[in-house]
Amino acid sequence: MVKWEYALLIRRRVPDGGQWVITFAWYAPDGTVQDVTMYGTAVISQLNQAGAAGWEMISASEDVNNLQGTTEVHRYHFKRPLD
């Protein structure tokens, strides 16, 4: 039976001093959180980075709050087999 581990990539778009700032955070299976914005602010760059590390995207979701402050959060869920 295949055993899996899971991770989460979060893309945030938030206002900052009149500009939009996009950040990415990687939530690893061990519970650590890493800022991975340095891999680029394009989603495809982030997805390719995860794929190169053996991760398969299994779902994606979006939360948009246009009421106050206008924030946007995208969640990308990944899995890969445990060795």
N, C-alpha and C. Protein backbone atom coordinates (compact mmCIF):
# COMPACT_ATOMS: atom_id res chain seq x y z
N MET A 1 0.84 -1.18 0.00
CA MET A 1 0.00 0.00 0.00
C MET A 1 0.89 1.25 0.00
N VAL A 2 0.57 2.18 -0.86
CA VAL A 2 1.34 3.42 -0.96
C VAL A 2 0.97 4.33 0.21
N LYS A 3 1.99 4.88 0.83
CA LYS A 3 1.78 5.89 1.88
C LYS A 3 2.20 7.24 1.32
N TRP A 4 1.44 8.26 1.70
CA TRP A 4 1.63 9.59 1.14
C TRP A 4 2.04 10.59 2.21
N GLU A 5 2.72 11.63 1.77
CA GLU A 5 2.91 12.82 2.61
C GLU A 5 2.32 13.99 1.85
N TYR A 6 1.92 15.00 2.58
CA TYR A 6 1.18 16.12 1.99
C TYR A 6 1.85 17.44 2.34
N ALA A 7 1.67 18.41 1.45
CA ALA A 7 2.20 19.76 1.67
C ALA A 7 1.21 20.76 1.10
N LEU A 8 1.42 22.00 1.45
CA LEU A 8 0.51 23.07 1.05
C LEU A 8 1.32 24.28 0.61
N LEU A 9 0.98 24.84 -0.54
CA LEU A 9 1.56 26.09 -1.02
C LEU A 9 0.48 27.15 -0.95
N ILE A 10 0.78 28.27 -0.29
CA ILE A 10 -0.19 29.36 -0.16
C ILE A 10 0.35 30.59 -0.88
N ARG A 11 -0.48 31.13 -1.77
CA ARG A 11 -0.16 32.38 -2.45
C ARG A 11 -1.06 33.45 -1.86
N ARG A 12 -0.44 34.53 -1.39
CA ARG A 12 -1.21 35.65 -0.84
C ARG A 12 -0.96 36.90 -1.67
N ARG A 13 -2.02 37.64 -1.90
CA ARG A 13 -1.94 38.94 -2.57
C ARG A 13 -2.61 39.93 -1.65
N VAL A 14 -1.80 40.84 -1.10
CA VAL A 14 -2.33 41.78 -0.11
C VAL A 14 -1.85 43.20 -0.43
N PRO A 15 -2.64 44.19 -0.05
CA PRO A 15 -2.21 45.57 -0.26
C PRO A 15 -1.10 45.93 0.72
N ASP A 16 -0.14 46.72 0.22
CA ASP A 16 0.96 47.17 1.07
C ASP A 16 1.40 48.55 0.59
N GLY A 17 0.98 49.57 1.29
CA GLY A 17 1.39 50.93 0.94
C GLY A 17 0.96 51.37 -0.44
N GLY A 18 -0.25 51.02 -0.83
CA GLY A 18 -0.75 51.43 -2.13
C GLY A 18 -0.37 50.51 -3.28
N GLN A 19 0.38 49.46 -2.98
CA GLN A 19 0.77 48.48 -3.99
C GLN A 19 0.27 47.11 -3.59
N TRP A 20 0.28 46.19 -4.55
CA TRP A 20 -0.05 44.80 -4.26
C TRP A 20 1.24 44.02 -4.07
N VAL A 21 1.27 43.20 -3.05
CA VAL A 21 2.43 42.35 -2.78
C VAL A 21 1.98 40.90 -2.86
N ILE A 22 2.73 40.10 -3.59
CA ILE A 22 2.44 38.67 -3.70
C ILE A 22 3.53 37.90 -2.98
N THR A 23 3.11 37.00 -2.10
CA THR A 23 4.05 36.15 -1.39
C THR A 23 3.60 34.70 -1.50
N PHE A 24 4.56 33.79 -1.34
CA PHE A 24 4.29 32.36 -1.34
C PHE A 24 4.89 31.74 -0.09
N ALA A 25 4.15 30.85 0.55
CA ALA A 25 4.64 30.12 1.71
C ALA A 25 4.40 28.63 1.48
N TRP A 26 5.41 27.81 1.81
CA TRP A 26 5.36 26.36 1.67
C TRP A 26 5.21 25.74 3.05
N TYR A 27 4.12 25.00 3.25
CA TYR A 27 3.86 24.31 4.51
C TYR A 27 4.25 22.85 4.30
N ALA A 28 5.37 22.46 4.85
CA ALA A 28 5.95 21.14 4.63
C ALA A 28 5.28 20.07 5.50
N PRO A 29 5.46 18.80 5.15
CA PRO A 29 4.85 17.72 5.93
C PRO A 29 5.27 17.69 7.39
N ASP A 30 6.46 18.20 7.70
CA ASP A 30 6.93 18.19 9.09
C ASP A 30 6.41 19.37 9.90
N GLY A 31 5.58 20.21 9.29
CA GLY A 31 4.99 21.34 10.01
C GLY A 31 5.74 22.65 9.87
N THR A 32 6.89 22.61 9.21
CA THR A 32 7.64 23.85 9.04
C THR A 32 7.01 24.69 7.92
N VAL A 33 7.24 25.99 8.01
CA VAL A 33 6.73 26.93 7.00
C VAL A 33 7.92 27.69 6.45
N GLN A 34 8.02 27.75 5.13
CA GLN A 34 9.14 28.43 4.49
C GLN A 34 8.61 29.45 3.49
N ASP A 35 9.18 30.64 3.52
CA ASP A 35 8.86 31.65 2.51
C ASP A 35 9.58 31.25 1.23
N VAL A 36 8.82 30.93 0.18
CA VAL A 36 9.42 30.49 -1.09
C VAL A 36 9.18 31.51 -2.20
N THR A 37 8.93 32.75 -1.82
CA THR A 37 8.69 33.80 -2.80
C THR A 37 9.89 33.97 -3.72
N MET A 38 11.09 33.61 -3.25
CA MET A 38 12.30 33.78 -4.05
C MET A 38 12.30 32.93 -5.32
N TYR A 39 11.41 31.93 -5.41
CA TYR A 39 11.30 31.12 -6.62
C TYR A 39 10.48 31.82 -7.69
N GLY A 40 9.94 32.99 -7.38
CA GLY A 40 9.18 33.78 -8.35
C GLY A 40 7.77 34.04 -7.89
N THR A 41 7.17 35.10 -8.43
CA THR A 41 5.80 35.45 -8.05
C THR A 41 4.79 34.93 -9.06
N ALA A 42 5.25 34.24 -10.10
CA ALA A 42 4.33 33.60 -11.04
C ALA A 42 3.98 32.21 -10.50
N VAL A 43 2.70 31.90 -10.48
CA VAL A 43 2.24 30.62 -9.94
C VAL A 43 2.92 29.46 -10.66
N ILE A 44 3.07 29.55 -11.97
CA ILE A 44 3.65 28.45 -12.72
C ILE A 44 5.08 28.15 -12.27
N SER A 45 5.84 29.17 -11.89
CA SER A 45 7.19 28.95 -11.36
C SER A 45 7.15 28.14 -10.08
N GLN A 46 6.21 28.48 -9.22
CA GLN A 46 6.07 27.77 -7.95
C GLN A 46 5.62 26.32 -8.17
N LEU A 47 4.66 26.12 -9.08
CA LEU A 47 4.17 24.76 -9.35
C LEU A 47 5.28 23.91 -9.97
N ASN A 48 6.05 24.47 -10.88
CA ASN A 48 7.16 23.73 -11.47
C ASN A 48 8.23 23.38 -10.45
N GLN A 49 8.47 24.27 -9.51
CA GLN A 49 9.44 24.01 -8.44
C GLN A 49 8.98 22.82 -7.60
N ALA A 50 7.70 22.80 -7.25
CA ALA A 50 7.16 21.69 -6.46
C ALA A 50 7.19 20.39 -7.26
N GLY A 51 6.82 20.46 -8.54
CA GLY A 51 6.84 19.27 -9.38
C GLY A 51 8.23 18.69 -9.54
N ALA A 52 9.23 19.55 -9.65
CA ALA A 52 10.62 19.09 -9.77
C ALA A 52 11.09 18.37 -8.51
N ALA A 53 10.46 18.68 -7.39
CA ALA A 53 10.79 18.02 -6.12
C ALA A 53 9.95 16.77 -5.89
N GLY A 54 9.16 16.37 -6.90
CA GLY A 54 8.38 15.14 -6.80
C GLY A 54 6.97 15.30 -6.28
N TRP A 55 6.50 16.54 -6.11
CA TRP A 55 5.16 16.79 -5.60
C TRP A 55 4.14 16.83 -6.73
N GLU A 56 2.97 16.26 -6.50
CA GLU A 56 1.86 16.29 -7.45
C GLU A 56 0.74 17.14 -6.85
N MET A 57 0.27 18.15 -7.60
CA MET A 57 -0.83 18.97 -7.10
C MET A 57 -2.12 18.15 -7.16
N ILE A 58 -2.85 18.15 -6.04
CA ILE A 58 -4.09 17.37 -5.99
C ILE A 58 -5.33 18.25 -5.89
N SER A 59 -5.17 19.50 -5.51
CA SER A 59 -6.31 20.42 -5.50
C SER A 59 -5.82 21.86 -5.39
N ALA A 60 -6.71 22.76 -5.76
CA ALA A 60 -6.42 24.19 -5.65
C ALA A 60 -7.72 24.89 -5.27
N SER A 61 -7.59 25.94 -4.47
CA SER A 61 -8.77 26.71 -4.07
C SER A 61 -8.38 28.17 -3.92
N GLU A 62 -9.39 29.03 -3.95
CA GLU A 62 -9.17 30.47 -3.87
C GLU A 62 -10.16 31.08 -2.89
N ASP A 63 -9.66 31.99 -2.06
CA ASP A 63 -10.50 32.79 -1.17
C ASP A 63 -10.26 34.25 -1.51
N VAL A 64 -11.31 34.97 -1.79
CA VAL A 64 -11.19 36.39 -2.10
C VAL A 64 -12.09 37.16 -1.14
N ASN A 65 -11.53 38.18 -0.50
CA ASN A 65 -12.29 39.04 0.39
C ASN A 65 -12.24 40.44 -0.20
N ASN A 66 -13.32 40.86 -0.80
CA ASN A 66 -13.37 42.19 -1.41
C ASN A 66 -14.07 43.21 -0.53
N LEU A 67 -14.35 42.85 0.71
CA LEU A 67 -15.09 43.77 1.58
C LEU A 67 -14.18 44.83 2.18
N GLN A 68 -13.13 44.40 2.86
CA GLN A 68 -12.25 45.37 3.51
C GLN A 68 -10.81 44.96 3.25
N GLY A 69 -10.05 45.84 2.64
CA GLY A 69 -8.65 45.58 2.42
C GLY A 69 -8.34 44.76 1.19
N THR A 70 -9.32 44.12 0.62
CA THR A 70 -9.17 43.30 -0.57
C THR A 70 -7.95 42.40 -0.47
N THR A 71 -8.15 41.23 0.06
CA THR A 71 -7.09 40.23 0.11
C THR A 71 -7.46 39.07 -0.79
N GLU A 72 -6.46 38.30 -1.14
CA GLU A 72 -6.68 37.16 -2.02
C GLU A 72 -5.73 36.05 -1.57
N VAL A 73 -6.25 34.86 -1.39
CA VAL A 73 -5.44 33.73 -0.96
C VAL A 73 -5.74 32.55 -1.88
N HIS A 74 -4.70 31.95 -2.40
CA HIS A 74 -4.83 30.73 -3.20
C HIS A 74 -4.11 29.61 -2.46
N ARG A 75 -4.74 28.45 -2.40
CA ARG A 75 -4.15 27.28 -1.75
C ARG A 75 -3.94 26.18 -2.78
N TYR A 76 -2.74 25.62 -2.78
CA TYR A 76 -2.41 24.52 -3.68
C TYR A 76 -1.97 23.34 -2.81
N HIS A 77 -2.71 22.25 -2.87
CA HIS A 77 -2.43 21.07 -2.06
C HIS A 77 -1.64 20.06 -2.90
N PHE A 78 -0.62 19.46 -2.29
CA PHE A 78 0.26 18.52 -2.97
C PHE A 78 0.39 17.23 -2.18
N LYS A 79 0.77 16.17 -2.91
CA LYS A 79 1.10 14.91 -2.26
C LYS A 79 2.26 14.28 -3.02
N ARG A 80 2.98 13.40 -2.32
CA ARG A 80 3.99 12.57 -2.95
C ARG A 80 4.16 11.32 -2.11
N PRO A 81 4.56 10.22 -2.75
CA PRO A 81 4.71 8.99 -1.99
C PRO A 81 5.87 9.09 -1.01
N LEU A 82 5.68 8.49 0.16
CA LEU A 82 6.77 8.39 1.12
C LEU A 82 7.76 7.35 0.62
N ASP A 83 9.02 7.62 0.81
CA ASP A 83 10.04 6.64 0.40
C ASP A 83 10.11 5.48 1.36
